[in-house]
PDB file of N, CA and C in Angstrom:
ATOM      1  N   MET A   1      -6.081 -53.062 -27.849  1.00  0.00           N
ATOM      2  CA  MET A   1      -5.152 -54.457 -27.548  1.00  0.00           C
ATOM      3  C   MET A   1      -4.038 -53.839 -28.043  1.00  0.00           C
ATOM      4  N   GLU A   2      -3.695 -52.600 -29.053  1.00  0.00           N
ATOM      5  CA  GLU A   2      -2.676 -52.147 -29.501  1.00  0.00           C
ATOM      6  C   GLU A   2      -1.903 -51.608 -27.623  1.00  0.00           C
ATOM      7  N   GLU A   3      -3.109 -51.329 -27.245  1.00  0.00           N
ATOM      8  CA  GLU A   3      -2.540 -50.217 -25.821  1.00  0.00           C
ATOM      9  C   GLU A   3      -1.678 -51.503 -24.779  1.00  0.00           C
ATOM     10  N   ILE A   4      -3.209 -52.400 -24.782  1.00  0.00           N
ATOM     11  CA  ILE A   4      -2.283 -53.797 -23.769  1.00  0.00           C
ATOM     12  C   ILE A   4      -0.714 -54.138 -24.349  1.00  0.00           C
ATOM     13  N   ARG A   5      -0.374 -54.307 -25.158  1.00  0.00           N
ATOM     14  CA  ARG A   5       0.722 -54.654 -26.002  1.00  0.00           C
ATOM     15  C   ARG A   5       1.613 -54.080 -25.699  1.00  0.00           C
ATOM     16  N   ALA A   6       1.470 -52.409 -26.049  1.00  0.00           N
ATOM     17  CA  ALA A   6       2.370 -51.233 -25.453  1.00  0.00           C
ATOM     18  C   ALA A   6       2.878 -51.069 -24.016  1.00  0.00           C
ATOM     19  N   GLU A   7       2.006 -51.470 -22.999  1.00  0.00           N
ATOM     20  CA  GLU A   7       1.867 -51.501 -22.140  1.00  0.00           C
ATOM     21  C   GLU A   7       3.315 -52.706 -21.738  1.00  0.00           C
ATOM     22  N   ILE A   8       2.690 -53.940 -22.061  1.00  0.00           N
ATOM     23  CA  ILE A   8       4.226 -55.060 -21.666  1.00  0.00           C
ATOM     24  C   ILE A   8       4.842 -54.626 -22.140  1.00  0.00           C
ATOM     25  N   GLU A   9       5.583 -53.891 -23.680  1.00  0.00           N
ATOM     26  CA  GLU A   9       6.471 -53.853 -23.618  1.00  0.00           C
ATOM     27  C   GLU A   9       7.393 -53.200 -22.882  1.00  0.00           C
ATOM     28  N   ARG A  10       6.424 -51.594 -22.445  1.00  0.00           N
ATOM     29  CA  ARG A  10       6.919 -50.575 -21.277  1.00  0.00           C
ATOM     30  C   ARG A  10       7.224 -51.231 -19.794  1.00  0.00           C
ATOM     31  N   ILE A  11       6.501 -52.456 -19.220  1.00  0.00           N
ATOM     32  CA  ILE A  11       6.746 -53.301 -18.553  1.00  0.00           C
ATOM     33  C   ILE A  11       7.949 -53.814 -18.435  1.00  0.00           C
ATOM     34  N   ALA A  12       8.347 -54.853 -19.408  1.00  0.00           N
ATOM     35  CA  ALA A  12       9.312 -55.868 -19.757  1.00  0.00           C
ATOM     36  C   ALA A  12      10.436 -54.690 -19.641  1.00  0.00           C
ATOM     37  N   LYS A  13      10.471 -53.886 -20.389  1.00  0.00           N
ATOM     38  CA  LYS A  13      11.737 -52.783 -20.448  1.00  0.00           C
ATOM     39  C   LYS A  13      12.269 -52.350 -18.972  1.00  0.00           C
ATOM     40  N   LEU A  14      10.993 -51.859 -18.483  1.00  0.00           N
ATOM     41  CA  LEU A  14      11.336 -51.598 -16.739  1.00  0.00           C
ATOM     42  C   LEU A  14      12.101 -52.740 -16.046  1.00  0.00           C
ATOM     43  N   LEU A  15      11.079 -53.975 -16.090  1.00  0.00           N
ATOM     44  CA  LEU A  15      12.105 -55.310 -15.903  1.00  0.00           C
ATOM     45  C   LEU A  15      13.452 -55.189 -16.104  1.00  0.00           C
ATOM     46  N   TYR A  16      13.879 -55.289 -17.429  1.00  0.00           N
ATOM     47  CA  TYR A  16      15.360 -55.973 -17.915  1.00  0.00           C
ATOM     48  C   TYR A  16      16.043 -54.459 -17.047  1.00  0.00           C
ATOM     49  N   GLN A  17      15.308 -53.459 -16.858  1.00  0.00           N
ATOM     50  CA  GLN A  17      16.530 -52.284 -16.126  1.00  0.00           C
ATOM     51  C   GLN A  17      16.411 -52.585 -14.751  1.00  0.00           C
ATOM     52  N   GLU A  18      15.500 -53.379 -14.323  1.00  0.00           N
ATOM     53  CA  GLU A  18      15.737 -53.906 -12.763  1.00  0.00           C
ATOM     54  C   GLU A  18      14.424 -52.739 -11.976  1.00  0.00           C
ATOM     55  N   LYS A  19      13.938 -52.405 -12.389  1.00  0.00           N
ATOM     56  CA  LYS A  19      12.770 -50.885 -12.210  1.00  0.00           C
ATOM     57  C   LYS A  19      11.749 -52.082 -11.480  1.00  0.00           C
ATOM     58  N   LYS A  20      11.901 -52.893 -10.878  1.00  0.00           N
ATOM     59  CA  LYS A  20      10.626 -53.517 -10.022  1.00  0.00           C
ATOM     60  C   LYS A  20       9.213 -52.616  -9.541  1.00  0.00           C
ATOM     61  N   ASP A  21       9.790 -51.932  -8.727  1.00  0.00           N
ATOM     62  CA  ASP A  21       8.804 -51.059  -8.367  1.00  0.00           C
ATOM     63  C   ASP A  21       7.882 -50.598  -9.413  1.00  0.00           C
ATOM     64  N   ASP A  22       8.159 -49.835 -10.539  1.00  0.00           N
ATOM     65  CA  ASP A  22       7.724 -49.209 -11.773  1.00  0.00           C
ATOM     66  C   ASP A  22       6.724 -50.365 -12.465  1.00  0.00           C
ATOM     67  N   ALA A  23       7.832 -51.308 -12.055  1.00  0.00           N
ATOM     68  CA  ALA A  23       7.167 -52.575 -13.005  1.00  0.00           C
ATOM     69  C   ALA A  23       5.682 -52.956 -12.762  1.00  0.00           C
ATOM     70  N   TYR A  24       5.847 -53.524 -11.046  1.00  0.00           N
ATOM     71  CA  TYR A  24       4.767 -54.423 -10.607  1.00  0.00           C
ATOM     72  C   TYR A  24       3.803 -53.163 -10.686  1.00  0.00           C
ATOM     73  N   ALA A  25       4.303 -52.007 -10.619  1.00  0.00           N
ATOM     74  CA  ALA A  25       2.890 -51.233 -10.502  1.00  0.00           C
ATOM     75  C   ALA A  25       2.331 -50.939 -12.009  1.00  0.00           C
ATOM     76  N   GLY A  26       3.339 -50.998 -13.211  1.00  0.00           N
ATOM     77  CA  GLY A  26       2.421 -51.471 -14.406  1.00  0.00           C
ATOM     78  C   GLY A  26       1.697 -52.766 -14.607  1.00  0.00           C
ATOM     79  N   ILE A  27       2.260 -53.689 -13.964  1.00  0.00           N
ATOM     80  CA  ILE A  27       1.683 -54.905 -13.930  1.00  0.00           C
ATOM     81  C   ILE A  27       0.051 -55.145 -13.483  1.00  0.00           C
ATOM     82  N   SER A  28       0.233 -54.121 -11.934  1.00  0.00           N
ATOM     83  CA  SER A  28      -1.068 -53.946 -11.159  1.00  0.00           C
ATOM     84  C   SER A  28      -2.360 -53.585 -12.065  1.00  0.00           C
ATOM     85  N   SER A  29      -1.869 -52.635 -12.996  1.00  0.00           N
ATOM     86  CA  SER A  29      -2.494 -51.677 -13.462  1.00  0.00           C
ATOM     87  C   SER A  29      -3.465 -52.376 -15.011  1.00  0.00           C
ATOM     88  N   LEU A  30      -2.345 -53.344 -15.517  1.00  0.00           N
ATOM     89  CA  LEU A  30      -2.346 -54.475 -16.568  1.00  0.00           C
ATOM     90  C   LEU A  30      -3.235 -55.462 -16.203  1.00  0.00           C
ATOM     91  N   VAL A  31      -3.172 -55.973 -14.898  1.00  0.00           N
ATOM     92  CA  VAL A  31      -4.110 -57.404 -14.736  1.00  0.00           C
ATOM     93  C   VAL A  31      -5.663 -57.211 -15.240  1.00  0.00           C
ATOM     94  N   PRO A  32      -6.329 -56.195 -14.837  1.00  0.00           N
ATOM     95  CA  PRO A  32      -7.974 -56.074 -14.881  1.00  0.00           C
ATOM     96  C   PRO A  32      -7.971 -56.344 -16.494  1.00  0.00           C
ATOM     97  N   GLU A  33      -7.281 -55.486 -17.207  1.00  0.00           N
ATOM     98  CA  GLU A  33      -7.568 -55.772 -18.617  1.00  0.00           C
ATOM     99  C   GLU A  33      -6.979 -56.944 -19.184  1.00  0.00           C
ATOM    100  N   LEU A  34      -6.203 -58.011 -18.850  1.00  0.00           N
ATOM    101  CA  LEU A  34      -5.540 -59.395 -19.456  1.00  0.00           C
ATOM    102  C   LEU A  34      -6.877 -60.097 -18.877  1.00  0.00           C
ATOM    103  N   VAL A  35      -7.572 -60.120 -17.536  1.00  0.00           N
ATOM    104  CA  VAL A  35      -8.382 -60.856 -17.314  1.00  0.00           C
ATOM    105  C   VAL A  35      -9.491 -60.650 -18.063  1.00  0.00           C
ATOM    106  N   ALA A  36     -10.062 -58.749 -18.377  1.00  0.00           N
ATOM    107  CA  ALA A  36     -11.437 -59.228 -19.351  1.00  0.00           C
ATOM    108  C   ALA A  36     -11.141 -59.648 -20.764  1.00  0.00           C
ATOM    109  N   TYR A  37      -9.917 -59.651 -21.322  1.00  0.00           N
ATOM    110  CA  TYR A  37      -9.626 -60.113 -22.365  1.00  0.00           C
ATOM    111  C   TYR A  37      -9.317 -61.670 -22.597  1.00  0.00           C
ATOM    112  N   THR A  38      -8.876 -62.296 -21.291  1.00  0.00           N
ATOM    113  CA  THR A  38      -8.760 -63.658 -21.272  1.00  0.00           C
ATOM    114  C   THR A  38     -10.616 -64.511 -21.343  1.00  0.00           C
ATOM    115  N   GLY A  39     -11.379 -63.845 -19.935  1.00  0.00           N
ATOM    116  CA  GLY A  39     -12.834 -63.933 -20.471  1.00  0.00           C
ATOM    117  C   GLY A  39     -13.490 -63.784 -21.300  1.00  0.00           C
ATOM    118  N   GLY A  40     -12.892 -63.119 -22.231  1.00  0.00           N
ATOM    119  CA  GLY A  40     -13.460 -62.703 -23.494  1.00  0.00           C
ATOM    120  C   GLY A  40     -13.183 -63.386 -24.667  1.00  0.00           C
ATOM    121  N   ILE A  41     -11.750 -64.552 -24.563  1.00  0.00           N
ATOM    122  CA  ILE A  41     -11.696 -65.598 -25.666  1.00  0.00           C
ATOM    123  C   ILE A  41     -12.728 -66.751 -25.375  1.00  0.00           C
ATOM    124  N   GLU A  42     -13.194 -67.241 -26.763  1.00  0.00           N
ATOM    125  CA  GLU A  42     -14.069 -68.358 -27.032  1.00  0.00           C
ATOM    126  C   GLU A  42     -13.351 -69.537 -27.169  1.00  0.00           C
ATOM    127  N   ASP A  43     -12.387 -69.395 -27.868  1.00  0.00           N
ATOM    128  CA  ASP A  43     -11.357 -70.814 -28.023  1.00  0.00           C
ATOM    129  C   ASP A  43     -10.811 -71.210 -26.716  1.00  0.00           C
ATOM    130  N   THR A  44     -11.239 -72.294 -26.156  1.00  0.00           N
ATOM    131  CA  THR A  44     -10.994 -72.401 -24.704  1.00  0.00           C
ATOM    132  C   THR A  44      -9.229 -73.033 -24.785  1.00  0.00           C
ATOM    133  N   GLU A  45      -8.904 -73.646 -25.764  1.00  0.00           N
ATOM    134  CA  GLU A  45      -7.172 -73.887 -25.641  1.00  0.00           C
ATOM    135  C   GLU A  45      -6.713 -72.883 -25.925  1.00  0.00           C
ATOM    136  N   LYS A  46      -6.822 -71.783 -26.381  1.00  0.00           N
ATOM    137  CA  LYS A  46      -6.200 -70.678 -26.339  1.00  0.00           C
ATOM    138  C   LYS A  46      -6.283 -69.804 -25.103  1.00  0.00           C
ATOM    139  N   GLN A  47      -7.104 -70.016 -24.483  1.00  0.00           N
ATOM    140  CA  GLN A  47      -7.753 -69.235 -23.022  1.00  0.00           C
ATOM    141  C   GLN A  47      -6.608 -70.061 -22.418  1.00  0.00           C
ATOM    142  N   GLN A  48      -6.470 -71.154 -22.053  1.00  0.00           N
ATOM    143  CA  GLN A  48      -5.817 -71.921 -21.343  1.00  0.00           C
ATOM    144  C   GLN A  48      -4.345 -71.734 -21.201  1.00  0.00           C
ATOM    145  N   LYS A  49      -4.221 -71.485 -22.688  1.00  0.00           N
ATOM    146  CA  LYS A  49      -2.370 -71.189 -22.891  1.00  0.00           C
ATOM    147  C   LYS A  49      -2.188 -70.023 -22.611  1.00  0.00           C
ATOM    148  N   LEU A  50      -3.339 -69.164 -22.661  1.00  0.00           N
ATOM    149  CA  LEU A  50      -3.067 -67.694 -21.925  1.00  0.00           C
ATOM    150  C   LEU A  50      -3.027 -67.565 -20.462  1.00  0.00           C
ATOM    151  N   THR A  51      -3.843 -68.715 -19.789  1.00  0.00           N
ATOM    152  CA  THR A  51      -4.030 -68.612 -18.433  1.00  0.00           C
ATOM    153  C   THR A  51      -2.469 -69.425 -18.089  1.00  0.00           C
ATOM    154  N   GLU A  52      -1.561 -70.032 -18.558  1.00  0.00           N
ATOM    155  CA  GLU A  52      -0.980 -70.738 -18.505  1.00  0.00           C
ATOM    156  C   GLU A  52       0.274 -69.714 -18.441  1.00  0.00           C
ATOM    157  N   VAL A  53       0.166 -69.253 -19.569  1.00  0.00           N
ATOM    158  CA  VAL A  53       1.211 -67.683 -19.586  1.00  0.00           C
ATOM    159  C   VAL A  53       1.569 -67.121 -18.516  1.00  0.00           C
ATOM    160  N   LEU A  54       0.324 -66.680 -17.902  1.00  0.00           N
ATOM    161  CA  LEU A  54      -0.243 -65.687 -17.033  1.00  0.00           C
ATOM    162  C   LEU A  54      -0.014 -66.654 -15.505  1.00  0.00           C
ATOM    163  N   GLY A  55       0.167 -68.057 -15.473  1.00  0.00           N
ATOM    164  CA  GLY A  55       0.671 -68.521 -14.600  1.00  0.00           C
ATOM    165  C   GLY A  55       2.111 -68.774 -13.945  1.00  0.00           C
ATOM    166  N   ASN A  56       2.549 -68.621 -15.329  1.00  0.00           N
ATOM    167  CA  ASN A  56       4.475 -68.738 -15.473  1.00  0.00           C
ATOM    168  C   ASN A  56       4.845 -67.532 -14.891  1.00  0.00           C
ATOM    169  N   ALA A  57       3.775 -66.217 -15.666  1.00  0.00           N
ATOM    170  CA  ALA A  57       4.396 -64.686 -15.142  1.00  0.00           C
ATOM    171  C   ALA A  57       4.359 -64.914 -13.640  1.00  0.00           C
ATOM    172  N   LEU A  58       3.171 -65.451 -12.670  1.00  0.00           N
ATOM    173  CA  LEU A  58       3.041 -65.057 -11.245  1.00  0.00           C
ATOM    174  C   LEU A  58       4.410 -65.541 -10.967  1.00  0.00           C
ATOM    175  N   GLY A  59       4.752 -67.296 -11.184  1.00  0.00           N
ATOM    176  CA  GLY A  59       5.875 -67.788 -10.612  1.00  0.00           C
ATOM    177  C   GLY A  59       7.054 -66.737 -10.633  1.00  0.00           C
ATOM    178  N   ALA A  60       7.001 -66.680 -11.691  1.00  0.00           N
ATOM    179  CA  ALA A  60       8.656 -65.630 -11.602  1.00  0.00           C
ATOM    180  C   ALA A  60       8.234 -64.387 -10.947  1.00  0.00           C
ATOM    181  N   MET A  61       7.354 -63.971 -10.692  1.00  0.00           N
ATOM    182  CA  MET A  61       7.478 -63.105  -9.761  1.00  0.00           C
ATOM    183  C   MET A  61       7.629 -63.182  -8.430  1.00  0.00           C
ATOM    184  N   GLU A  62       6.897 -64.736  -7.563  1.00  0.00           N
ATOM    185  CA  GLU A  62       7.192 -65.201  -6.877  1.00  0.00           C
ATOM    186  C   GLU A  62       8.588 -65.569  -6.554  1.00  0.00           C
ATOM    187  N   GLU A  63       9.290 -65.509  -7.731  1.00  0.00           N
ATOM    188  CA  GLU A  63      10.809 -65.959  -7.332  1.00  0.00           C
ATOM    189  C   GLU A  63      11.729 -65.061  -7.326  1.00  0.00           C
ATOM    190  N   GLU A  64      10.795 -63.625  -7.568  1.00  0.00           N
ATOM    191  CA  GLU A  64      11.562 -62.192  -7.709  1.00  0.00           C
ATOM    192  C   GLU A  64      12.791 -62.418  -9.049  1.00  0.00           C
ATOM    193  N   ASP A  65      12.052 -63.433  -9.975  1.00  0.00           N
ATOM    194  CA  ASP A  65      13.344 -63.270 -11.087  1.00  0.00           C
ATOM    195  C   ASP A  65      12.596 -62.934 -12.590  1.00  0.00           C
ATOM    196  N   LEU A  66      13.294 -61.544 -12.092  1.00  0.00           N
ATOM    197  CA  LEU A  66      12.777 -60.025 -13.307  1.00  0.00           C
ATOM    198  C   LEU A  66      13.299 -60.068 -14.438  1.00  0.00           C
ATOM    199  N   THR A  67      14.159 -61.023 -14.775  1.00  0.00           N
ATOM    200  CA  THR A  67      14.812 -61.264 -16.266  1.00  0.00           C
ATOM    201  C   THR A  67      13.777 -62.339 -16.556  1.00  0.00           C
ATOM    202  N   LEU A  68      13.492 -63.298 -16.018  1.00  0.00           N
ATOM    203  CA  LEU A  68      12.647 -64.561 -16.397  1.00  0.00           C
ATOM    204  C   LEU A  68      11.102 -63.898 -16.762  1.00  0.00           C
ATOM    205  N   LEU A  69      10.844 -62.805 -15.806  1.00  0.00           N
ATOM    206  CA  LEU A  69       9.417 -62.336 -15.922  1.00  0.00           C
ATOM    207  C   LEU A  69       9.305 -61.480 -17.416  1.00  0.00           C
ATOM    208  N   ALA A  70       9.973 -60.801 -17.141  1.00  0.00           N
ATOM    209  CA  ALA A  70      10.446 -59.915 -18.624  1.00  0.00           C
ATOM    210  C   ALA A  70      10.245 -60.592 -19.958  1.00  0.00           C
ATOM    211  N   ASP A  71      11.490 -62.297 -19.660  1.00  0.00           N
ATOM    212  CA  ASP A  71      10.984 -62.827 -20.884  1.00  0.00           C
ATOM    213  C   ASP A  71       9.727 -63.552 -21.041  1.00  0.00           C
ATOM    214  N   ILE A  72       8.628 -63.723 -20.091  1.00  0.00           N
ATOM    215  CA  ILE A  72       7.421 -63.957 -20.173  1.00  0.00           C
ATOM    216  C   ILE A  72       6.875 -63.403 -21.248  1.00  0.00           C
ATOM    217  N   LEU A  73       6.751 -62.093 -19.998  1.00  0.00           N
ATOM    218  CA  LEU A  73       6.032 -61.113 -20.987  1.00  0.00           C
ATOM    219  C   LEU A  73       5.976 -60.549 -22.152  1.00  0.00           C
ATOM    220  N   GLN A  74       7.442 -60.401 -22.590  1.00  0.00           N
ATOM    221  CA  GLN A  74       7.918 -59.995 -23.934  1.00  0.00           C
ATOM    222  C   GLN A  74       7.592 -61.075 -24.987  1.00  0.00           C
ATOM    223  N   TYR A  75       7.449 -61.974 -24.483  1.00  0.00           N
ATOM    224  CA  TYR A  75       7.576 -63.082 -25.619  1.00  0.00           C
ATOM    225  C   TYR A  75       6.755 -64.042 -25.960  1.00  0.00           C
ATOM    226  N   ASP A  76       5.966 -64.942 -24.460  1.00  0.00           N
ATOM    227  CA  ASP A  76       5.057 -65.817 -24.353  1.00  0.00           C
ATOM    228  C   ASP A  76       3.548 -64.847 -24.190  1.00  0.00           C
ATOM    229  N   LEU A  77       3.692 -64.075 -23.791  1.00  0.00           N
ATOM    230  CA  LEU A  77       3.092 -63.440 -23.778  1.00  0.00           C
ATOM    231  C   LEU A  77       1.983 -62.514 -24.829  1.00  0.00           C
ATOM    232  N   MET A  78       3.426 -61.959 -25.612  1.00  0.00           N
ATOM    233  CA  MET A  78       3.310 -60.898 -26.873  1.00  0.00           C
ATOM    234  C   MET A  78       2.287 -61.980 -27.877  1.00  0.00           C
ATOM    235  N   ASP A  79       2.979 -63.171 -27.257  1.00  0.00           N
ATOM    236  CA  ASP A  79       2.741 -64.230 -28.699  1.00  0.00           C
ATOM    237  C   ASP A  79       0.874 -64.747 -28.772  1.00  0.00           C
ATOM    238  N   GLU A  80       0.596 -64.723 -27.478  1.00  0.00           N
ATOM    239  CA  GLU A  80      -0.532 -65.028 -26.934  1.00  0.00           C
ATOM    240  C   GLU A  80      -1.650 -64.081 -27.810  1.00  0.00           C
ATOM    241  N   LEU A  81      -1.143 -63.160 -27.239  1.00  0.00           N
ATOM    242  CA  LEU A  81      -2.386 -61.741 -27.615  1.00  0.00           C
ATOM    243  C   LEU A  81      -1.993 -61.122 -29.731  1.00  0.00           C
ATOM    244  N   VAL A  82      -2.504 -62.377 -30.156  1.00  0.00           N
ATOM    245  CA  VAL A  82      -2.318 -61.884 -31.421  1.00  0.00           C
ATOM    246  C   VAL A  82      -3.742 -61.907 -32.189  1.00  0.00           C
TER     247      VAL A  82
END
């Protein structure tokens, strides 16, 4: 879990620096780990919240809003990974 959290922090920093390509490459490698983590959650409410946060992140990516995406990763996603 600490590796995932460290990677999210690294990606958020890249997004704040507007290094989109590097950040998206990091997200691409992080997604399988997040999917596996989400699938292993037995608490359906927590699983739904995490899925909602990931959906918000996808929306920010579609809008190419790098700051919003960084905020979602840094704050919302990190809050769910406790």
